[in-house]
Amino acid sequence: MGTIFEALMLILDVVWFVMIAHIIMSWLINFQVLNLRQPLIWQIWNGLNRLLEPIYAPVRRILPNTGGLDLAPLVVFIGIIILQRALVNNAGWFYGV
């Protein structure tokens, strides 16, 4: 059961870092440091969007429309933190302690 705990923590960590990369890349695109006309940049951006959109879409349906400000990543970050803390607080259940 400890392997399940570690796998869940690893998955949450990977999602966390992919979200960080997506957010930083969106800032760089908005400040025109990166150009989406470059094929590599477009492929990375498109891949990150395809990975994260299934996570963001349900959150966006629940949140009110805030114009140009997307709060879905913030809500998902908070959700990941809560899940990680819940897993760590209940780690004894996974290890049979």
PDB file of N, CA and C in Angstrom:
ATOM      1  N   MET A   1       0.809  -1.201   0.000  1.00  0.00           N
ATOM      2  CA  MET A   1       0.000   0.000   0.000  1.00  0.00           C
ATOM      3  C   MET A   1       0.853   1.266   0.000  1.00  0.00           C
ATOM      4  N   GLY A   2       2.061   1.168   0.496  1.00  0.00           N
ATOM      5  CA  GLY A   2       2.947   2.325   0.478  1.00  0.00           C
ATOM      6  C   GLY A   2       3.260   2.774  -0.928  1.00  0.00           C
ATOM      7  N   THR A   3       3.270   1.830  -1.859  1.00  0.00           N
ATOM      8  CA  THR A   3       3.530   2.166  -3.252  1.00  0.00           C
ATOM      9  C   THR A   3       2.407   3.032  -3.821  1.00  0.00           C
ATOM     10  N   ILE A   4       1.170   2.757  -3.405  1.00  0.00           N
ATOM     11  CA  ILE A   4       0.038   3.571  -3.866  1.00  0.00           C
ATOM     12  C   ILE A   4       0.186   4.999  -3.364  1.00  0.00           C
ATOM     13  N   PHE A   5       0.573   5.136  -2.097  1.00  0.00           N
ATOM     14  CA  PHE A   5       0.789   6.461  -1.527  1.00  0.00           C
ATOM     15  C   PHE A   5       1.858   7.214  -2.307  1.00  0.00           C
ATOM     16  N   GLU A   6       2.979   6.566  -2.562  1.00  0.00           N
ATOM     17  CA  GLU A   6       4.073   7.218  -3.278  1.00  0.00           C
ATOM     18  C   GLU A   6       3.694   7.535  -4.717  1.00  0.00           C
ATOM     19  N   ALA A   7       2.919   6.653  -5.370  1.00  0.00           N
ATOM     20  CA  ALA A   7       2.484   6.908  -6.739  1.00  0.00           C
ATOM     21  C   ALA A   7       1.540   8.113  -6.793  1.00  0.00           C
ATOM     22  N   LEU A   8       0.615   8.191  -5.844  1.00  0.00           N
ATOM     23  CA  LEU A   8      -0.300   9.332  -5.804  1.00  0.00           C
ATOM     24  C   LEU A   8       0.453  10.641  -5.562  1.00  0.00           C
ATOM     25  N   MET A   9       1.414  10.609  -4.662  1.00  0.00           N
ATOM     26  CA  MET A   9       2.210  11.817  -4.401  1.00  0.00           C
ATOM     27  C   MET A   9       3.017  12.214  -5.632  1.00  0.00           C
ATOM     28  N   LEU A  10       3.574  11.228  -6.339  1.00  0.00           N
ATOM     29  CA  LEU A  10       4.333  11.508  -7.547  1.00  0.00           C
ATOM     30  C   LEU A  10       3.442  12.118  -8.624  1.00  0.00           C
ATOM     31  N   ILE A  11       2.252  11.572  -8.807  1.00  0.00           N
ATOM     32  CA  ILE A  11       1.325  12.119  -9.801  1.00  0.00           C
ATOM     33  C   ILE A  11       0.964  13.562  -9.473  1.00  0.00           C
ATOM     34  N   LEU A  12       0.690  13.843  -8.210  1.00  0.00           N
ATOM     35  CA  LEU A  12       0.366  15.212  -7.813  1.00  0.00           C
ATOM     36  C   LEU A  12       1.554  16.147  -8.019  1.00  0.00           C
ATOM     37  N   ASP A  13       2.770  15.676  -7.752  1.00  0.00           N
ATOM     38  CA  ASP A  13       3.959  16.492  -7.988  1.00  0.00           C
ATOM     39  C   ASP A  13       4.161  16.778  -9.467  1.00  0.00           C
ATOM     40  N   VAL A  14       3.939  15.780 -10.318  1.00  0.00           N
ATOM     41  CA  VAL A  14       4.099  15.980 -11.767  1.00  0.00           C
ATOM     42  C   VAL A  14       3.071  16.990 -12.276  1.00  0.00           C
ATOM     43  N   VAL A  15       1.821  16.856 -11.840  1.00  0.00           N
ATOM     44  CA  VAL A  15       0.785  17.819 -12.256  1.00  0.00           C
ATOM     45  C   VAL A  15       1.167  19.217 -11.787  1.00  0.00           C
ATOM     46  N   TRP A  16       1.689  19.314 -10.583  1.00  0.00           N
ATOM     47  CA  TRP A  16       2.126  20.610 -10.039  1.00  0.00           C
ATOM     48  C   TRP A  16       3.172  21.254 -10.954  1.00  0.00           C
ATOM     49  N   PHE A  17       4.201  20.499 -11.340  1.00  0.00           N
ATOM     50  CA  PHE A  17       5.271  21.058 -12.159  1.00  0.00           C
ATOM     51  C   PHE A  17       4.816  21.356 -13.583  1.00  0.00           C
ATOM     52  N   VAL A  18       3.915  20.553 -14.129  1.00  0.00           N
ATOM     53  CA  VAL A  18       3.373  20.841 -15.460  1.00  0.00           C
ATOM     54  C   VAL A  18       2.562  22.131 -15.411  1.00  0.00           C
ATOM     55  N   MET A  19       1.810  22.330 -14.342  1.00  0.00           N
ATOM     56  CA  MET A  19       1.049  23.576 -14.198  1.00  0.00           C
ATOM     57  C   MET A  19       1.974  24.785 -14.068  1.00  0.00           C
ATOM     58  N   ILE A  20       3.050  24.642 -13.328  1.00  0.00           N
ATOM     59  CA  ILE A  20       4.018  25.740 -13.193  1.00  0.00           C
ATOM     60  C   ILE A  20       4.610  26.088 -14.559  1.00  0.00           C
ATOM     61  N   ALA A  21       4.991  25.067 -15.334  1.00  0.00           N
ATOM     62  CA  ALA A  21       5.538  25.300 -16.672  1.00  0.00           C
ATOM     63  C   ALA A  21       4.511  25.993 -17.558  1.00  0.00           C
ATOM     64  N   HIS A  22       3.267  25.581 -17.481  1.00  0.00           N
ATOM     65  CA  HIS A  22       2.205  26.174 -18.291  1.00  0.00           C
ATOM     66  C   HIS A  22       1.984  27.645 -17.917  1.00  0.00           C
ATOM     67  N   ILE A  23       1.965  27.937 -16.637  1.00  0.00           N
ATOM     68  CA  ILE A  23       1.748  29.311 -16.181  1.00  0.00           C
ATOM     69  C   ILE A  23       2.908  30.209 -16.593  1.00  0.00           C
ATOM     70  N   ILE A  24       4.139  29.747 -16.391  1.00  0.00           N
ATOM     71  CA  ILE A  24       5.303  30.550 -16.780  1.00  0.00           C
ATOM     72  C   ILE A  24       5.317  30.768 -18.289  1.00  0.00           C
ATOM     73  N   MET A  25       5.000  29.717 -19.045  1.00  0.00           N
ATOM     74  CA  MET A  25       4.982  29.856 -20.496  1.00  0.00           C
ATOM     75  C   MET A  25       3.886  30.831 -20.940  1.00  0.00           C
ATOM     76  N   SER A  26       2.727  30.810 -20.271  1.00  0.00           N
ATOM     77  CA  SER A  26       1.663  31.748 -20.639  1.00  0.00           C
ATOM     78  C   SER A  26       2.092  33.191 -20.378  1.00  0.00           C
ATOM     79  N   TRP A  27       2.816  33.415 -19.289  1.00  0.00           N
ATOM     80  CA  TRP A  27       3.330  34.764 -19.030  1.00  0.00           C
ATOM     81  C   TRP A  27       4.315  35.189 -20.107  1.00  0.00           C
ATOM     82  N   LEU A  28       5.223  34.279 -20.460  1.00  0.00           N
ATOM     83  CA  LEU A  28       6.222  34.613 -21.482  1.00  0.00           C
ATOM     84  C   LEU A  28       5.571  34.878 -22.834  1.00  0.00           C
ATOM     85  N   ILE A  29       4.501  34.179 -23.141  1.00  0.00           N
ATOM     86  CA  ILE A  29       3.778  34.420 -24.394  1.00  0.00           C
ATOM     87  C   ILE A  29       3.066  35.763 -24.327  1.00  0.00           C
ATOM     88  N   ASN A  30       2.405  36.052 -23.204  1.00  0.00           N
ATOM     89  CA  ASN A  30       1.682  37.320 -23.076  1.00  0.00           C
ATOM     90  C   ASN A  30       2.602  38.532 -23.077  1.00  0.00           C
ATOM     91  N   PHE A  31       3.817  38.386 -22.544  1.00  0.00           N
ATOM     92  CA  PHE A  31       4.781  39.484 -22.557  1.00  0.00           C
ATOM     93  C   PHE A  31       5.647  39.475 -23.810  1.00  0.00           C
ATOM     94  N   GLN A  32       5.283  38.645 -24.784  1.00  0.00           N
ATOM     95  CA  GLN A  32       5.913  38.546 -26.098  1.00  0.00           C
ATOM     96  C   GLN A  32       7.398  38.192 -26.030  1.00  0.00           C
ATOM     97  N   VAL A  33       7.757  37.407 -25.032  1.00  0.00           N
ATOM     98  CA  VAL A  33       9.107  36.851 -24.965  1.00  0.00           C
ATOM     99  C   VAL A  33       9.173  35.615 -25.848  1.00  0.00           C
ATOM    100  N   LEU A  34       8.082  34.826 -25.836  1.00  0.00           N
ATOM    101  CA  LEU A  34       7.961  33.652 -26.698  1.00  0.00           C
ATOM    102  C   LEU A  34       6.945  33.940 -27.787  1.00  0.00           C
ATOM    103  N   ASN A  35       7.168  33.360 -28.955  1.00  0.00           N
ATOM    104  CA  ASN A  35       6.288  33.565 -30.094  1.00  0.00           C
ATOM    105  C   ASN A  35       5.662  32.232 -30.484  1.00  0.00           C
ATOM    106  N   LEU A  36       4.343  32.187 -30.544  1.00  0.00           N
ATOM    107  CA  LEU A  36       3.648  30.943 -30.890  1.00  0.00           C
ATOM    108  C   LEU A  36       3.801  30.564 -32.360  1.00  0.00           C
ATOM    109  N   ARG A  37       4.381  31.441 -33.164  1.00  0.00           N
ATOM    110  CA  ARG A  37       4.615  31.103 -34.568  1.00  0.00           C
ATOM    111  C   ARG A  37       5.818  30.175 -34.742  1.00  0.00           C
ATOM    112  N   GLN A  38       6.635  30.055 -33.703  1.00  0.00           N
ATOM    113  CA  GLN A  38       7.749  29.113 -33.748  1.00  0.00           C
ATOM    114  C   GLN A  38       7.200  27.711 -33.509  1.00  0.00           C
ATOM    115  N   PRO A  39       7.538  26.740 -34.374  1.00  0.00           N
ATOM    116  CA  PRO A  39       6.940  25.404 -34.279  1.00  0.00           C
ATOM    117  C   PRO A  39       7.167  24.704 -32.936  1.00  0.00           C
ATOM    118  N   LEU A  40       8.369  24.794 -32.378  1.00  0.00           N
ATOM    119  CA  LEU A  40       8.639  24.128 -31.100  1.00  0.00           C
ATOM    120  C   LEU A  40       7.812  24.742 -29.970  1.00  0.00           C
ATOM    121  N   ILE A  41       7.750  26.055 -29.936  1.00  0.00           N
ATOM    122  CA  ILE A  41       6.974  26.746 -28.900  1.00  0.00           C
ATOM    123  C   ILE A  41       5.503  26.369 -29.028  1.00  0.00           C
ATOM    124  N   TRP A  42       4.995  26.341 -30.259  1.00  0.00           N
ATOM    125  CA  TRP A  42       3.597  25.981 -30.476  1.00  0.00           C
ATOM    126  C   TRP A  42       3.319  24.549 -30.027  1.00  0.00           C
ATOM    127  N   GLN A  43       4.214  23.620 -30.321  1.00  0.00           N
ATOM    128  CA  GLN A  43       4.011  22.227 -29.927  1.00  0.00           C
ATOM    129  C   GLN A  43       4.011  22.069 -28.415  1.00  0.00           C
ATOM    130  N   ILE A  44       4.937  22.738 -27.739  1.00  0.00           N
ATOM    131  CA  ILE A  44       4.981  22.668 -26.273  1.00  0.00           C
ATOM    132  C   ILE A  44       3.717  23.268 -25.678  1.00  0.00           C
ATOM    133  N   TRP A  45       3.322  24.441 -26.180  1.00  0.00           N
ATOM    134  CA  TRP A  45       2.133  25.126 -25.677  1.00  0.00           C
ATOM    135  C   TRP A  45       0.874  24.279 -25.910  1.00  0.00           C
ATOM    136  N   ASN A  46       0.748  23.728 -27.098  1.00  0.00           N
ATOM    137  CA  ASN A  46      -0.401  22.906 -27.428  1.00  0.00           C
ATOM    138  C   ASN A  46      -0.434  21.640 -26.556  1.00  0.00           C
ATOM    139  N   GLY A  47       0.722  21.029 -26.348  1.00  0.00           N
ATOM    140  CA  GLY A  47       0.789  19.841 -25.499  1.00  0.00           C
ATOM    141  C   GLY A  47       0.402  20.136 -24.058  1.00  0.00           C
ATOM    142  N   LEU A  48       0.901  21.245 -23.517  1.00  0.00           N
ATOM    143  CA  LEU A  48       0.544  21.613 -22.143  1.00  0.00           C
ATOM    144  C   LEU A  48      -0.944  21.909 -22.027  1.00  0.00           C
ATOM    145  N   ASN A  49      -1.495  22.601 -23.031  1.00  0.00           N
ATOM    146  CA  ASN A  49      -2.933  22.882 -23.006  1.00  0.00           C
ATOM    147  C   ASN A  49      -3.752  21.601 -23.052  1.00  0.00           C
ATOM    148  N   ARG A  50      -3.343  20.650 -23.878  1.00  0.00           N
ATOM    149  CA  ARG A  50      -4.077  19.389 -23.973  1.00  0.00           C
ATOM    150  C   ARG A  50      -3.978  18.580 -22.680  1.00  0.00           C
ATOM    151  N   LEU A  51      -2.849  18.669 -21.994  1.00  0.00           N
ATOM    152  CA  LEU A  51      -2.704  17.963 -20.720  1.00  0.00           C
ATOM    153  C   LEU A  51      -3.556  18.582 -19.614  1.00  0.00           C
ATOM    154  N   LEU A  52      -3.613  19.898 -19.582  1.00  0.00           N
ATOM    155  CA  LEU A  52      -4.232  20.579 -18.447  1.00  0.00           C
ATOM    156  C   LEU A  52      -5.697  20.944 -18.655  1.00  0.00           C
ATOM    157  N   GLU A  53      -6.152  21.022 -19.889  1.00  0.00           N
ATOM    158  CA  GLU A  53      -7.540  21.420 -20.125  1.00  0.00           C
ATOM    159  C   GLU A  53      -8.549  20.478 -19.476  1.00  0.00           C
ATOM    160  N   PRO A  54      -8.342  19.142 -19.477  1.00  0.00           N
ATOM    161  CA  PRO A  54      -9.310  18.284 -18.763  1.00  0.00           C
ATOM    162  C   PRO A  54      -9.377  18.557 -17.257  1.00  0.00           C
ATOM    163  N   ILE A  55      -8.325  19.122 -16.704  1.00  0.00           N
ATOM    164  CA  ILE A  55      -8.326  19.464 -15.280  1.00  0.00           C
ATOM    165  C   ILE A  55      -8.986  20.826 -15.070  1.00  0.00           C
ATOM    166  N   TYR A  56      -8.680  21.788 -15.947  1.00  0.00           N
ATOM    167  CA  TYR A  56      -9.198  23.147 -15.790  1.00  0.00           C
ATOM    168  C   TYR A  56     -10.668  23.287 -16.179  1.00  0.00           C
ATOM    169  N   ALA A  57     -11.128  22.547 -17.177  1.00  0.00           N
ATOM    170  CA  ALA A  57     -12.484  22.749 -17.719  1.00  0.00           C
ATOM    171  C   ALA A  57     -13.581  22.604 -16.660  1.00  0.00           C
ATOM    172  N   PRO A  58     -13.584  21.550 -15.835  1.00  0.00           N
ATOM    173  CA  PRO A  58     -14.652  21.471 -14.819  1.00  0.00           C
ATOM    174  C   PRO A  58     -14.598  22.614 -13.809  1.00  0.00           C
ATOM    175  N   VAL A  59     -13.399  23.066 -13.491  1.00  0.00           N
ATOM    176  CA  VAL A  59     -13.252  24.169 -12.535  1.00  0.00           C
ATOM    177  C   VAL A  59     -13.771  25.458 -13.164  1.00  0.00           C
ATOM    178  N   ARG A  60     -13.487  25.676 -14.449  1.00  0.00           N
ATOM    179  CA  ARG A  60     -13.962  26.884 -15.135  1.00  0.00           C
ATOM    180  C   ARG A  60     -15.482  26.928 -15.223  1.00  0.00           C
ATOM    181  N   ARG A  61     -16.125  25.766 -15.336  1.00  0.00           N
ATOM    182  CA  ARG A  61     -17.592  25.739 -15.390  1.00  0.00           C
ATOM    183  C   ARG A  61     -18.207  26.169 -14.060  1.00  0.00           C
ATOM    184  N   ILE A  62     -17.510  25.899 -12.962  1.00  0.00           N
ATOM    185  CA  ILE A  62     -18.026  26.237 -11.633  1.00  0.00           C
ATOM    186  C   ILE A  62     -17.748  27.696 -11.278  1.00  0.00           C
ATOM    187  N   LEU A  63     -16.579  28.201 -11.638  1.00  0.00           N
ATOM    188  CA  LEU A  63     -16.182  29.567 -11.271  1.00  0.00           C
ATOM    189  C   LEU A  63     -16.970  30.598 -12.067  1.00  0.00           C
ATOM    190  N   PRO A  64     -17.209  31.761 -11.472  1.00  0.00           N
ATOM    191  CA  PRO A  64     -17.868  32.832 -12.237  1.00  0.00           C
ATOM    192  C   PRO A  64     -16.905  33.416 -13.274  1.00  0.00           C
ATOM    193  N   ASN A  65     -17.450  34.024 -14.300  1.00  0.00           N
ATOM    194  CA  ASN A  65     -16.647  34.642 -15.347  1.00  0.00           C
ATOM    195  C   ASN A  65     -15.970  35.893 -14.797  1.00  0.00           C
ATOM    196  N   THR A  66     -14.641  35.927 -14.856  1.00  0.00           N
ATOM    197  CA  THR A  66     -13.891  37.070 -14.342  1.00  0.00           C
ATOM    198  C   THR A  66     -13.186  37.833 -15.459  1.00  0.00           C
ATOM    199  N   GLY A  67     -13.685  37.718 -16.669  1.00  0.00           N
ATOM    200  CA  GLY A  67     -13.083  38.433 -17.794  1.00  0.00           C
ATOM    201  C   GLY A  67     -11.801  37.772 -18.231  1.00  0.00           C
ATOM    202  N   GLY A  68     -10.724  38.543 -18.257  1.00  0.00           N
ATOM    203  CA  GLY A  68      -9.440  38.030 -18.722  1.00  0.00           C
ATOM    204  C   GLY A  68      -8.632  37.297 -17.669  1.00  0.00           C
ATOM    205  N   LEU A  69      -9.140  37.249 -16.455  1.00  0.00           N
ATOM    206  CA  LEU A  69      -8.413  36.603 -15.363  1.00  0.00           C
ATOM    207  C   LEU A  69      -8.909  35.177 -15.184  1.00  0.00           C
ATOM    208  N   ASP A  70      -8.016  34.208 -15.385  1.00  0.00           N
ATOM    209  CA  ASP A  70      -8.378  32.799 -15.247  1.00  0.00           C
ATOM    210  C   ASP A  70      -7.962  32.312 -13.860  1.00  0.00           C
ATOM    211  N   LEU A  71      -8.944  32.002 -13.038  1.00  0.00           N
ATOM    212  CA  LEU A  71      -8.673  31.557 -11.675  1.00  0.00           C
ATOM    213  C   LEU A  71      -8.603  30.041 -11.542  1.00  0.00           C
ATOM    214  N   ALA A  72      -8.859  29.320 -12.627  1.00  0.00           N
ATOM    215  CA  ALA A  72      -8.859  27.853 -12.578  1.00  0.00           C
ATOM    216  C   ALA A  72      -7.512  27.292 -12.106  1.00  0.00           C
ATOM    217  N   PRO A  73      -6.358  27.779 -12.599  1.00  0.00           N
ATOM    218  CA  PRO A  73      -5.095  27.230 -12.092  1.00  0.00           C
ATOM    219  C   PRO A  73      -4.920  27.425 -10.589  1.00  0.00           C
ATOM    220  N   LEU A  74      -5.355  28.559 -10.073  1.00  0.00           N
ATOM    221  CA  LEU A  74      -5.244  28.812  -8.634  1.00  0.00           C
ATOM    222  C   LEU A  74      -6.092  27.816  -7.841  1.00  0.00           C
ATOM    223  N   VAL A  75      -7.308  27.567  -8.306  1.00  0.00           N
ATOM    224  CA  VAL A  75      -8.190  26.628  -7.623  1.00  0.00           C
ATOM    225  C   VAL A  75      -7.605  25.217  -7.683  1.00  0.00           C
ATOM    226  N   VAL A  76      -7.044  24.845  -8.834  1.00  0.00           N
ATOM    227  CA  VAL A  76      -6.448  23.517  -8.964  1.00  0.00           C
ATOM    228  C   VAL A  76      -5.205  23.404  -8.079  1.00  0.00           C
ATOM    229  N   PHE A  77      -4.393  24.478  -8.001  1.00  0.00           N
ATOM    230  CA  PHE A  77      -3.237  24.475  -7.093  1.00  0.00           C
ATOM    231  C   PHE A  77      -3.680  24.221  -5.653  1.00  0.00           C
ATOM    232  N   ILE A  78      -4.713  24.917  -5.229  1.00  0.00           N
ATOM    233  CA  ILE A  78      -5.216  24.740  -3.872  1.00  0.00           C
ATOM    234  C   ILE A  78      -5.712  23.313  -3.676  1.00  0.00           C
ATOM    235  N   GLY A  79      -6.393  22.774  -4.684  1.00  0.00           N
ATOM    236  CA  GLY A  79      -6.862  21.393  -4.611  1.00  0.00           C
ATOM    237  C   GLY A  79      -5.719  20.401  -4.496  1.00  0.00           C
ATOM    238  N   ILE A  80      -4.649  20.628  -5.245  1.00  0.00           N
ATOM    239  CA  ILE A  80      -3.480  19.739  -5.173  1.00  0.00           C
ATOM    240  C   ILE A  80      -2.844  19.807  -3.793  1.00  0.00           C
ATOM    241  N   ILE A  81      -2.725  20.998  -3.252  1.00  0.00           N
ATOM    242  CA  ILE A  81      -2.140  21.151  -1.914  1.00  0.00           C
ATOM    243  C   ILE A  81      -2.996  20.422  -0.878  1.00  0.00           C
ATOM    244  N   ILE A  82      -4.306  20.567  -0.977  1.00  0.00           N
ATOM    245  CA  ILE A  82      -5.203  19.891  -0.028  1.00  0.00           C
ATOM    246  C   ILE A  82      -5.070  18.377  -0.157  1.00  0.00           C
ATOM    247  N   LEU A  83      -5.034  17.873  -1.401  1.00  0.00           N
ATOM    248  CA  LEU A  83      -4.882  16.429  -1.603  1.00  0.00           C
ATOM    249  C   LEU A  83      -3.557  15.916  -1.055  1.00  0.00           C
ATOM    250  N   GLN A  84      -2.471  16.661  -1.289  1.00  0.00           N
ATOM    251  CA  GLN A  84      -1.175  16.232  -0.765  1.00  0.00           C
ATOM    252  C   GLN A  84      -1.172  16.215   0.753  1.00  0.00           C
ATOM    253  N   ARG A  85      -1.729  17.235   1.367  1.00  0.00           N
ATOM    254  CA  ARG A  85      -1.769  17.278   2.836  1.00  0.00           C
ATOM    255  C   ARG A  85      -2.635  16.149   3.383  1.00  0.00           C
ATOM    256  N   ALA A  86      -3.760  15.873   2.720  1.00  0.00           N
ATOM    257  CA  ALA A  86      -4.629  14.784   3.168  1.00  0.00           C
ATOM    258  C   ALA A  86      -3.913  13.442   3.048  1.00  0.00           C
ATOM    259  N   LEU A  87      -3.161  13.248   1.965  1.00  0.00           N
ATOM    260  CA  LEU A  87      -2.410  12.006   1.806  1.00  0.00           C
ATOM    261  C   LEU A  87      -1.331  11.873   2.876  1.00  0.00           C
ATOM    262  N   VAL A  88      -0.606  12.940   3.126  1.00  0.00           N
ATOM    263  CA  VAL A  88       0.467  12.889   4.129  1.00  0.00           C
ATOM    264  C   VAL A  88      -0.121  12.654   5.523  1.00  0.00           C
ATOM    265  N   ASN A  89      -1.231  13.315   5.831  1.00  0.00           N
ATOM    266  CA  ASN A  89      -1.846  13.132   7.152  1.00  0.00           C
ATOM    267  C   ASN A  89      -2.407  11.730   7.347  1.00  0.00           C
ATOM    268  N   ASN A  90      -2.742  11.055   6.247  1.00  0.00           N
ATOM    269  CA  ASN A  90      -3.285   9.705   6.330  1.00  0.00           C
ATOM    270  C   ASN A  90      -2.303   8.662   5.809  1.00  0.00           C
ATOM    271  N   ALA A  91      -1.027   8.979   5.810  1.00  0.00           N
ATOM    272  CA  ALA A  91      -0.011   8.056   5.297  1.00  0.00           C
ATOM    273  C   ALA A  91       0.043   6.775   6.113  1.00  0.00           C
ATOM    274  N   GLY A  92      -0.297   6.849   7.372  1.00  0.00           N
ATOM    275  CA  GLY A  92      -0.290   5.655   8.215  1.00  0.00           C
ATOM    276  C   GLY A  92      -1.241   4.587   7.713  1.00  0.00           C
ATOM    277  N   TRP A  93      -2.343   4.998   7.113  1.00  0.00           N
ATOM    278  CA  TRP A  93      -3.297   4.041   6.571  1.00  0.00           C
ATOM    279  C   TRP A  93      -2.671   3.255   5.410  1.00  0.00           C
ATOM    280  N   PHE A  94      -1.859   3.935   4.605  1.00  0.00           N
ATOM    281  CA  PHE A  94      -1.217   3.280   3.474  1.00  0.00           C
ATOM    282  C   PHE A  94      -0.136   2.297   3.923  1.00  0.00           C
ATOM    283  N   TYR A  95       0.537   2.637   4.994  1.00  0.00           N
ATOM    284  CA  TYR A  95       1.641   1.798   5.478  1.00  0.00           C
ATOM    285  C   TYR A  95       1.201   0.830   6.568  1.00  0.00           C
ATOM    286  N   GLY A  96      -0.040   0.854   6.951  1.00  0.00           N
ATOM    287  CA  GLY A  96      -0.559  -0.075   7.950  1.00  0.00           C
ATOM    288  C   GLY A  96      -0.078   0.186   9.351  1.00  0.00           C
ATOM    289  N   VAL A  97       0.232   1.448   9.652  1.00  0.00           N
ATOM    290  CA  VAL A  97       0.721   1.800  10.991  1.00  0.00           C
ATOM    291  C   VAL A  97      -0.427   2.158  11.886  1.00  0.00           C
TER     292      VAL A  97
END
